[in-house]
Amino acid sequence: MAIEVRIPTILRQYTDGAKAVEGSGDTLAALFADLETRHTGIEARIIDADNGAKLRRFVNVYLNDEDVRFLDGISTKVSDGDSVTILPAVAGG
């Protein structure tokens, strides 16, 4: 079993249009690094390496419907069968 990662429309250019992809890792950081090996460029759109390897300010990530900012951020532990949802913040008026 793997971890399902739901991809928002704006990032599907990195997944050849796939709405969801599978990955593996024991933390979100490891999961995103694993995704990067098959979907080049996606990790840089999620993680701000220049800011201490944290989630980008306007990207929300949910682990099984729980906001990871209230858990351990990208250090949050993940397991096979988990579901990760990436949601960019939307602004406008």
PDB file of N, CA and C in Angstrom:
ATOM      1  N   MET A   1       0.827  -1.185   0.000  1.00  0.00           N
ATOM      2  CA  MET A   1       0.000   0.000   0.000  1.00  0.00           C
ATOM      3  C   MET A   1       0.869   1.245   0.000  1.00  0.00           C
ATOM      4  N   ALA A   2       0.339   2.315  -0.515  1.00  0.00           N
ATOM      5  CA  ALA A   2       1.089   3.568  -0.583  1.00  0.00           C
ATOM      6  C   ALA A   2       0.243   4.693   0.005  1.00  0.00           C
ATOM      7  N   ILE A   3       0.779   5.885  -0.056  1.00  0.00           N
ATOM      8  CA  ILE A   3       0.086   7.071   0.417  1.00  0.00           C
ATOM      9  C   ILE A   3      -0.493   7.786  -0.800  1.00  0.00           C
ATOM     10  N   GLU A   4      -1.778   8.073  -0.762  1.00  0.00           N
ATOM     11  CA  GLU A   4      -2.421   8.790  -1.857  1.00  0.00           C
ATOM     12  C   GLU A   4      -2.247  10.287  -1.639  1.00  0.00           C
ATOM     13  N   VAL A   5      -1.809  10.979  -2.691  1.00  0.00           N
ATOM     14  CA  VAL A   5      -1.645  12.427  -2.632  1.00  0.00           C
ATOM     15  C   VAL A   5      -2.567  13.039  -3.681  1.00  0.00           C
ATOM     16  N   ARG A   6      -3.521  13.836  -3.218  1.00  0.00           N
ATOM     17  CA  ARG A   6      -4.446  14.516  -4.129  1.00  0.00           C
ATOM     18  C   ARG A   6      -3.807  15.814  -4.599  1.00  0.00           C
ATOM     19  N   ILE A   7      -3.792  15.997  -5.899  1.00  0.00           N
ATOM     20  CA  ILE A   7      -3.087  17.110  -6.530  1.00  0.00           C
ATOM     21  C   ILE A   7      -4.090  18.157  -7.021  1.00  0.00           C
ATOM     22  N   PRO A   8      -3.906  19.429  -6.642  1.00  0.00           N
ATOM     23  CA  PRO A   8      -4.806  20.477  -7.137  1.00  0.00           C
ATOM     24  C   PRO A   8      -4.533  20.770  -8.615  1.00  0.00           C
ATOM     25  N   THR A   9      -5.499  21.349  -9.260  1.00  0.00           N
ATOM     26  CA  THR A   9      -5.396  21.641 -10.696  1.00  0.00           C
ATOM     27  C   THR A   9      -4.115  22.386 -11.049  1.00  0.00           C
ATOM     28  N   ILE A  10      -3.738  23.366 -10.257  1.00  0.00           N
ATOM     29  CA  ILE A  10      -2.582  24.196 -10.575  1.00  0.00           C
ATOM     30  C   ILE A  10      -1.263  23.410 -10.578  1.00  0.00           C
ATOM     31  N   LEU A  11      -1.211  22.286  -9.876  1.00  0.00           N
ATOM     32  CA  LEU A  11       0.020  21.478  -9.829  1.00  0.00           C
ATOM     33  C   LEU A  11      -0.028  20.251 -10.734  1.00  0.00           C
ATOM     34  N   ARG A  12      -1.124  20.038 -11.417  1.00  0.00           N
ATOM     35  CA  ARG A  12      -1.253  18.845 -12.264  1.00  0.00           C
ATOM     36  C   ARG A  12      -0.333  18.866 -13.470  1.00  0.00           C
ATOM     37  N   GLN A  13       0.215  20.024 -13.798  1.00  0.00           N
ATOM     38  CA  GLN A  13       1.188  20.077 -14.889  1.00  0.00           C
ATOM     39  C   GLN A  13       2.413  19.227 -14.563  1.00  0.00           C
ATOM     40  N   TYR A  14       2.680  19.018 -13.277  1.00  0.00           N
ATOM     41  CA  TYR A  14       3.826  18.218 -12.847  1.00  0.00           C
ATOM     42  C   TYR A  14       3.498  16.729 -12.786  1.00  0.00           C
ATOM     43  N   THR A  15       2.197  16.390 -12.783  1.00  0.00           N
ATOM     44  CA  THR A  15       1.789  14.989 -12.675  1.00  0.00           C
ATOM     45  C   THR A  15       1.121  14.498 -13.958  1.00  0.00           C
ATOM     46  N   ASP A  16       1.408  15.152 -15.067  1.00  0.00           N
ATOM     47  CA  ASP A  16       0.808  14.804 -16.355  1.00  0.00           C
ATOM     48  C   ASP A  16      -0.712  14.763 -16.299  1.00  0.00           C
ATOM     49  N   GLY A  17      -1.278  15.676 -15.512  1.00  0.00           N
ATOM     50  CA  GLY A  17      -2.723  15.798 -15.430  1.00  0.00           C
ATOM     51  C   GLY A  17      -3.392  14.918 -14.391  1.00  0.00           C
ATOM     52  N   ALA A  18      -2.639  14.089 -13.696  1.00  0.00           N
ATOM     53  CA  ALA A  18      -3.227  13.180 -12.705  1.00  0.00           C
ATOM     54  C   ALA A  18      -3.793  13.957 -11.520  1.00  0.00           C
ATOM     55  N   LYS A  19      -5.016  13.601 -11.118  1.00  0.00           N
ATOM     56  CA  LYS A  19      -5.666  14.236  -9.970  1.00  0.00           C
ATOM     57  C   LYS A  19      -5.121  13.706  -8.653  1.00  0.00           C
ATOM     58  N   ALA A  20      -4.584  12.494  -8.689  1.00  0.00           N
ATOM     59  CA  ALA A  20      -4.008  11.875  -7.492  1.00  0.00           C
ATOM     60  C   ALA A  20      -2.831  11.009  -7.918  1.00  0.00           C
ATOM     61  N   VAL A  21      -1.823  10.971  -7.081  1.00  0.00           N
ATOM     62  CA  VAL A  21      -0.648  10.135  -7.317  1.00  0.00           C
ATOM     63  C   VAL A  21      -0.340   9.396  -6.021  1.00  0.00           C
ATOM     64  N   GLU A  22       0.501   8.389  -6.126  1.00  0.00           N
ATOM     65  CA  GLU A  22       0.902   7.645  -4.942  1.00  0.00           C
ATOM     66  C   GLU A  22       2.365   7.896  -4.658  1.00  0.00           C
ATOM     67  N   GLY A  23       2.699   7.871  -3.380  1.00  0.00           N
ATOM     68  CA  GLY A  23       4.078   8.057  -2.959  1.00  0.00           C
ATOM     69  C   GLY A  23       4.331   7.288  -1.688  1.00  0.00           C
ATOM     70  N   SER A  24       5.563   7.403  -1.205  1.00  0.00           N
ATOM     71  CA  SER A  24       5.908   6.727   0.036  1.00  0.00           C
ATOM     72  C   SER A  24       6.871   7.587   0.839  1.00  0.00           C
ATOM     73  N   GLY A  25       6.997   7.269   2.098  1.00  0.00           N
ATOM     74  CA  GLY A  25       7.880   7.994   2.998  1.00  0.00           C
ATOM     75  C   GLY A  25       7.331   7.896   4.405  1.00  0.00           C
ATOM     76  N   ASP A  26       8.168   8.207   5.369  1.00  0.00           N
ATOM     77  CA  ASP A  26       7.707   8.133   6.752  1.00  0.00           C
ATOM     78  C   ASP A  26       7.297   9.501   7.313  1.00  0.00           C
ATOM     79  N   THR A  27       7.628  10.573   6.596  1.00  0.00           N
ATOM     80  CA  THR A  27       7.192  11.928   6.944  1.00  0.00           C
ATOM     81  C   THR A  27       6.703  12.615   5.679  1.00  0.00           C
ATOM     82  N   LEU A  28       6.038  13.742   5.841  1.00  0.00           N
ATOM     83  CA  LEU A  28       5.625  14.499   4.653  1.00  0.00           C
ATOM     84  C   LEU A  28       6.821  14.941   3.834  1.00  0.00           C
ATOM     85  N   ALA A  29       7.905  15.354   4.491  1.00  0.00           N
ATOM     86  CA  ALA A  29       9.108  15.773   3.763  1.00  0.00           C
ATOM     87  C   ALA A  29       9.625  14.633   2.895  1.00  0.00           C
ATOM     88  N   ALA A  30       9.669  13.425   3.440  1.00  0.00           N
ATOM     89  CA  ALA A  30      10.131  12.258   2.674  1.00  0.00           C
ATOM     90  C   ALA A  30       9.154  11.924   1.552  1.00  0.00           C
ATOM     91  N   LEU A  31       7.867  12.082   1.815  1.00  0.00           N
ATOM     92  CA  LEU A  31       6.853  11.836   0.789  1.00  0.00           C
ATOM     93  C   LEU A  31       7.020  12.810  -0.371  1.00  0.00           C
ATOM     94  N   PHE A  32       7.203  14.095  -0.066  1.00  0.00           N
ATOM     95  CA  PHE A  32       7.373  15.088  -1.124  1.00  0.00           C
ATOM     96  C   PHE A  32       8.668  14.853  -1.900  1.00  0.00           C
ATOM     97  N   ALA A  33       9.723  14.422  -1.224  1.00  0.00           N
ATOM     98  CA  ALA A  33      10.982  14.085  -1.903  1.00  0.00           C
ATOM     99  C   ALA A  33      10.767  12.892  -2.829  1.00  0.00           C
ATOM    100  N   ASP A  34       9.983  11.917  -2.382  1.00  0.00           N
ATOM    101  CA  ASP A  34       9.671  10.757  -3.216  1.00  0.00           C
ATOM    102  C   ASP A  34       8.873  11.178  -4.446  1.00  0.00           C
ATOM    103  N   LEU A  35       7.899  12.057  -4.267  1.00  0.00           N
ATOM    104  CA  LEU A  35       7.118  12.544  -5.408  1.00  0.00           C
ATOM    105  C   LEU A  35       8.011  13.261  -6.412  1.00  0.00           C
ATOM    106  N   GLU A  36       8.977  14.004  -5.911  1.00  0.00           N
ATOM    107  CA  GLU A  36       9.888  14.755  -6.775  1.00  0.00           C
ATOM    108  C   GLU A  36      10.657  13.831  -7.725  1.00  0.00           C
ATOM    109  N   THR A  37      10.935  12.606  -7.299  1.00  0.00           N
ATOM    110  CA  THR A  37      11.694  11.671  -8.150  1.00  0.00           C
ATOM    111  C   THR A  37      10.910  11.274  -9.393  1.00  0.00           C
ATOM    112  N   ARG A  38       9.572  11.309  -9.323  1.00  0.00           N
ATOM    113  CA  ARG A  38       8.738  10.950 -10.474  1.00  0.00           C
ATOM    114  C   ARG A  38       8.037  12.140 -11.113  1.00  0.00           C
ATOM    115  N   HIS A  39       7.913  13.230 -10.357  1.00  0.00           N
ATOM    116  CA  HIS A  39       7.176  14.405 -10.828  1.00  0.00           C
ATOM    117  C   HIS A  39       8.039  15.645 -10.593  1.00  0.00           C
ATOM    118  N   THR A  40       9.065  15.772 -11.393  1.00  0.00           N
ATOM    119  CA  THR A  40      10.058  16.831 -11.234  1.00  0.00           C
ATOM    120  C   THR A  40       9.423  18.221 -11.186  1.00  0.00           C
ATOM    121  N   GLY A  41       9.807  18.985 -10.166  1.00  0.00           N
ATOM    122  CA  GLY A  41       9.339  20.348 -10.009  1.00  0.00           C
ATOM    123  C   GLY A  41       8.241  20.523  -8.984  1.00  0.00           C
ATOM    124  N   ILE A  42       7.565  19.448  -8.615  1.00  0.00           N
ATOM    125  CA  ILE A  42       6.426  19.574  -7.705  1.00  0.00           C
ATOM    126  C   ILE A  42       6.857  19.948  -6.286  1.00  0.00           C
ATOM    127  N   GLU A  43       7.977  19.406  -5.826  1.00  0.00           N
ATOM    128  CA  GLU A  43       8.421  19.662  -4.458  1.00  0.00           C
ATOM    129  C   GLU A  43       8.684  21.151  -4.218  1.00  0.00           C
ATOM    130  N   ALA A  44       9.280  21.819  -5.186  1.00  0.00           N
ATOM    131  CA  ALA A  44       9.592  23.244  -5.046  1.00  0.00           C
ATOM    132  C   ALA A  44       8.333  24.107  -4.981  1.00  0.00           C
ATOM    133  N   ARG A  45       7.217  23.601  -5.483  1.00  0.00           N
ATOM    134  CA  ARG A  45       5.958  24.341  -5.433  1.00  0.00           C
ATOM    135  C   ARG A  45       5.249  24.161  -4.099  1.00  0.00           C
ATOM    136  N   ILE A  46       5.698  23.174  -3.305  1.00  0.00           N
ATOM    137  CA  ILE A  46       5.063  22.884  -2.023  1.00  0.00           C
ATOM    138  C   ILE A  46       5.926  23.355  -0.855  1.00  0.00           C
ATOM    139  N   ILE A  47       7.238  23.135  -0.971  1.00  0.00           N
ATOM    140  CA  ILE A  47       8.166  23.435   0.120  1.00  0.00           C
ATOM    141  C   ILE A  47       9.043  24.620  -0.234  1.00  0.00           C
ATOM    142  N   ASP A  48       9.196  25.527   0.711  1.00  0.00           N
ATOM    143  CA  ASP A  48      10.048  26.707   0.557  1.00  0.00           C
ATOM    144  C   ASP A  48      11.412  26.389   1.168  1.00  0.00           C
ATOM    145  N   ALA A  49      12.325  25.905   0.359  1.00  0.00           N
ATOM    146  CA  ALA A  49      13.655  25.505   0.839  1.00  0.00           C
ATOM    147  C   ALA A  49      14.448  26.700   1.366  1.00  0.00           C
ATOM    148  N   ASP A  50      14.162  27.878   0.845  1.00  0.00           N
ATOM    149  CA  ASP A  50      14.875  29.082   1.289  1.00  0.00           C
ATOM    150  C   ASP A  50      14.414  29.563   2.661  1.00  0.00           C
ATOM    151  N   ASN A  51      13.307  29.031   3.116  1.00  0.00           N
ATOM    152  CA  ASN A  51      12.741  29.461   4.395  1.00  0.00           C
ATOM    153  C   ASN A  51      12.808  28.331   5.429  1.00  0.00           C
ATOM    154  N   GLY A  52      13.909  27.608   5.450  1.00  0.00           N
ATOM    155  CA  GLY A  52      14.083  26.542   6.436  1.00  0.00           C
ATOM    156  C   GLY A  52      13.302  25.287   6.135  1.00  0.00           C
ATOM    157  N   ALA A  53      13.067  25.003   4.875  1.00  0.00           N
ATOM    158  CA  ALA A  53      12.337  23.794   4.458  1.00  0.00           C
ATOM    159  C   ALA A  53      10.983  23.695   5.158  1.00  0.00           C
ATOM    160  N   LYS A  54      10.158  24.702   4.954  1.00  0.00           N
ATOM    161  CA  LYS A  54       8.800  24.723   5.495  1.00  0.00           C
ATOM    162  C   LYS A  54       7.821  24.728   4.334  1.00  0.00           C
ATOM    163  N   LEU A  55       6.567  24.468   4.644  1.00  0.00           N
ATOM    164  CA  LEU A  55       5.541  24.583   3.618  1.00  0.00           C
ATOM    165  C   LEU A  55       5.498  26.019   3.126  1.00  0.00           C
ATOM    166  N   ARG A  56       5.278  26.172   1.841  1.00  0.00           N
ATOM    167  CA  ARG A  56       5.124  27.519   1.300  1.00  0.00           C
ATOM    168  C   ARG A  56       3.938  28.196   1.986  1.00  0.00           C
ATOM    169  N   ARG A  57       4.026  29.472   2.106  1.00  0.00           N
ATOM    170  CA  ARG A  57       3.046  30.247   2.860  1.00  0.00           C
ATOM    171  C   ARG A  57       1.609  30.058   2.369  1.00  0.00           C
ATOM    172  N   PHE A  58       1.424  29.976   1.068  1.00  0.00           N
ATOM    173  CA  PHE A  58       0.077  29.893   0.517  1.00  0.00           C
ATOM    174  C   PHE A  58      -0.283  28.496   0.025  1.00  0.00           C
ATOM    175  N   VAL A  59       0.324  27.474   0.639  1.00  0.00           N
ATOM    176  CA  VAL A  59      -0.007  26.085   0.331  1.00  0.00           C
ATOM    177  C   VAL A  59      -0.473  25.426   1.621  1.00  0.00           C
ATOM    178  N   ASN A  60      -1.642  24.835   1.561  1.00  0.00           N
ATOM    179  CA  ASN A  60      -2.178  24.106   2.707  1.00  0.00           C
ATOM    180  C   ASN A  60      -2.092  22.618   2.412  1.00  0.00           C
ATOM    181  N   VAL A  61      -1.664  21.857   3.395  1.00  0.00           N
ATOM    182  CA  VAL A  61      -1.556  20.404   3.239  1.00  0.00           C
ATOM    183  C   VAL A  61      -2.347  19.755   4.368  1.00  0.00           C
ATOM    184  N   TYR A  62      -3.154  18.776   3.994  1.00  0.00           N
ATOM    185  CA  TYR A  62      -3.982  18.063   4.952  1.00  0.00           C
ATOM    186  C   TYR A  62      -3.618  16.586   4.944  1.00  0.00           C
ATOM    187  N   LEU A  63      -3.460  16.026   6.124  1.00  0.00           N
ATOM    188  CA  LEU A  63      -3.221  14.595   6.286  1.00  0.00           C
ATOM    189  C   LEU A  63      -4.490  14.009   6.865  1.00  0.00           C
ATOM    190  N   ASN A  64      -5.154  13.166   6.080  1.00  0.00           N
ATOM    191  CA  ASN A  64      -6.431  12.585   6.516  1.00  0.00           C
ATOM    192  C   ASN A  64      -7.369  13.671   7.039  1.00  0.00           C
ATOM    193  N   ASP A  65      -7.477  14.762   6.289  1.00  0.00           N
ATOM    194  CA  ASP A  65      -8.371  15.896   6.566  1.00  0.00           C
ATOM    195  C   ASP A  65      -7.952  16.761   7.754  1.00  0.00           C
ATOM    196  N   GLU A  66      -6.739  16.601   8.263  1.00  0.00           N
ATOM    197  CA  GLU A  66      -6.248  17.436   9.356  1.00  0.00           C
ATOM    198  C   GLU A  66      -5.100  18.309   8.852  1.00  0.00           C
ATOM    199  N   ASP A  67      -5.197  19.605   9.098  1.00  0.00           N
ATOM    200  CA  ASP A  67      -4.189  20.572   8.646  1.00  0.00           C
ATOM    201  C   ASP A  67      -2.846  20.268   9.310  1.00  0.00           C
ATOM    202  N   VAL A  68      -1.815  20.015   8.502  1.00  0.00           N
ATOM    203  CA  VAL A  68      -0.511  19.631   9.057  1.00  0.00           C
ATOM    204  C   VAL A  68       0.189  20.784   9.764  1.00  0.00           C
ATOM    205  N   ARG A  69      -0.255  22.015   9.551  1.00  0.00           N
ATOM    206  CA  ARG A  69       0.330  23.151  10.279  1.00  0.00           C
ATOM    207  C   ARG A  69       0.034  23.040  11.774  1.00  0.00           C
ATOM    208  N   PHE A  70      -1.029  22.325  12.117  1.00  0.00           N
ATOM    209  CA  PHE A  70      -1.379  22.114  13.522  1.00  0.00           C
ATOM    210  C   PHE A  70      -0.820  20.800  14.049  1.00  0.00           C
ATOM    211  N   LEU A  71      -0.111  20.086  13.191  1.00  0.00           N
ATOM    212  CA  LEU A  71       0.583  18.858  13.588  1.00  0.00           C
ATOM    213  C   LEU A  71       2.064  19.212  13.657  1.00  0.00           C
ATOM    214  N   ASP A  72       2.894  18.537  12.865  1.00  0.00           N
ATOM    215  CA  ASP A  72       4.337  18.807  12.862  1.00  0.00           C
ATOM    216  C   ASP A  72       4.834  19.340  11.522  1.00  0.00           C
ATOM    217  N   GLY A  73       3.957  20.027  10.779  1.00  0.00           N
ATOM    218  CA  GLY A  73       4.382  20.565   9.484  1.00  0.00           C
ATOM    219  C   GLY A  73       4.890  19.464   8.576  1.00  0.00           C
ATOM    220  N   ILE A  74       5.988  19.735   7.870  1.00  0.00           N
ATOM    221  CA  ILE A  74       6.504  18.714   6.950  1.00  0.00           C
ATOM    222  C   ILE A  74       7.198  17.572   7.672  1.00  0.00           C
ATOM    223  N   SER A  75       7.348  17.685   8.980  1.00  0.00           N
ATOM    224  CA  SER A  75       7.905  16.589   9.780  1.00  0.00           C
ATOM    225  C   SER A  75       6.817  15.635  10.270  1.00  0.00           C
ATOM    226  N   THR A  76       5.577  15.907   9.905  1.00  0.00           N
ATOM    227  CA  THR A  76       4.465  15.055  10.308  1.00  0.00           C
ATOM    228  C   THR A  76       4.661  13.645   9.774  1.00  0.00           C
ATOM    229  N   LYS A  77       4.475  12.667  10.638  1.00  0.00           N
ATOM    230  CA  LYS A  77       4.598  11.255  10.269  1.00  0.00           C
ATOM    231  C   LYS A  77       3.427  10.843   9.390  1.00  0.00           C
ATOM    232  N   VAL A  78       3.711  10.023   8.391  1.00  0.00           N
ATOM    233  CA  VAL A  78       2.689   9.458   7.520  1.00  0.00           C
ATOM    234  C   VAL A  78       2.874   7.947   7.454  1.00  0.00           C
ATOM    235  N   SER A  79       1.792   7.253   7.098  1.00  0.00           N
ATOM    236  CA  SER A  79       1.818   5.790   7.025  1.00  0.00           C
ATOM    237  C   SER A  79       1.111   5.325   5.762  1.00  0.00           C
ATOM    238  N   ASP A  80       1.393   4.098   5.358  1.00  0.00           N
ATOM    239  CA  ASP A  80       0.680   3.510   4.225  1.00  0.00           C
ATOM    240  C   ASP A  80      -0.815   3.595   4.474  1.00  0.00           C
ATOM    241  N   GLY A  81      -1.548   3.957   3.432  1.00  0.00           N
ATOM    242  CA  GLY A  81      -2.992   4.078   3.535  1.00  0.00           C
ATOM    243  C   GLY A  81      -3.466   5.477   3.877  1.00  0.00           C
ATOM    244  N   ASP A  82      -2.542   6.366   4.269  1.00  0.00           N
ATOM    245  CA  ASP A  82      -2.923   7.749   4.560  1.00  0.00           C
ATOM    246  C   ASP A  82      -3.294   8.467   3.268  1.00  0.00           C
ATOM    247  N   SER A  83      -4.018   9.558   3.432  1.00  0.00           N
ATOM    248  CA  SER A  83      -4.389  10.407   2.305  1.00  0.00           C
ATOM    249  C   SER A  83      -3.890  11.821   2.584  1.00  0.00           C
ATOM    250  N   VAL A  84      -3.165  12.380   1.629  1.00  0.00           N
ATOM    251  CA  VAL A  84      -2.628  13.733   1.739  1.00  0.00           C
ATOM    252  C   VAL A  84      -3.274  14.582   0.653  1.00  0.00           C
ATOM    253  N   THR A  85      -3.786  15.731   1.058  1.00  0.00           N
ATOM    254  CA  THR A  85      -4.397  16.663   0.112  1.00  0.00           C
ATOM    255  C   THR A  85      -3.606  17.959   0.108  1.00  0.00           C
ATOM    256  N   ILE A  86      -3.228  18.417  -1.074  1.00  0.00           N
ATOM    257  CA  ILE A  86      -2.513  19.675  -1.231  1.00  0.00           C
ATOM    258  C   ILE A  86      -3.510  20.690  -1.784  1.00  0.00           C
ATOM    259  N   LEU A  87      -3.651  21.815  -1.070  1.00  0.00           N
ATOM    260  CA  LEU A  87      -4.564  22.864  -1.507  1.00  0.00           C
ATOM    261  C   LEU A  87      -3.875  24.207  -1.489  1.00  0.00           C
ATOM    262  N   PRO A  88      -3.748  24.832  -2.651  1.00  0.00           N
ATOM    263  CA  PRO A  88      -3.193  26.186  -2.650  1.00  0.00           C
ATOM    264  C   PRO A  88      -4.254  27.150  -2.126  1.00  0.00           C
ATOM    265  N   ALA A  89      -3.807  28.141  -1.379  1.00  0.00           N
ATOM    266  CA  ALA A  89      -4.731  29.170  -0.908  1.00  0.00           C
ATOM    267  C   ALA A  89      -5.204  29.966  -2.119  1.00  0.00           C
ATOM    268  N   VAL A  90      -6.460  30.342  -2.112  1.00  0.00           N
ATOM    269  CA  VAL A  90      -7.043  31.085  -3.225  1.00  0.00           C
ATOM    270  C   VAL A  90      -7.458  32.450  -2.725  1.00  0.00           C
ATOM    271  N   ALA A  91      -7.070  33.465  -3.456  1.00  0.00           N
ATOM    272  CA  ALA A  91      -7.445  34.831  -3.091  1.00  0.00           C
ATOM    273  C   ALA A  91      -8.082  35.507  -4.297  1.00  0.00           C
ATOM    274  N   GLY A  92      -8.759  36.532  -4.031  1.00  0.00           N
ATOM    275  CA  GLY A  92      -9.368  37.263  -5.133  1.00  0.00           C
ATOM    276  C   GLY A  92     -10.653  37.917  -4.684  1.00  0.00           C
ATOM    277  N   GLY A  93     -11.275  38.552  -5.598  1.00  0.00           N
ATOM    278  CA  GLY A  93     -12.500  39.207  -5.183  1.00  0.00           C
ATOM    279  C   GLY A  93     -13.318  39.620  -6.352  1.00  0.00           C
TER     280      GLY A  93
END
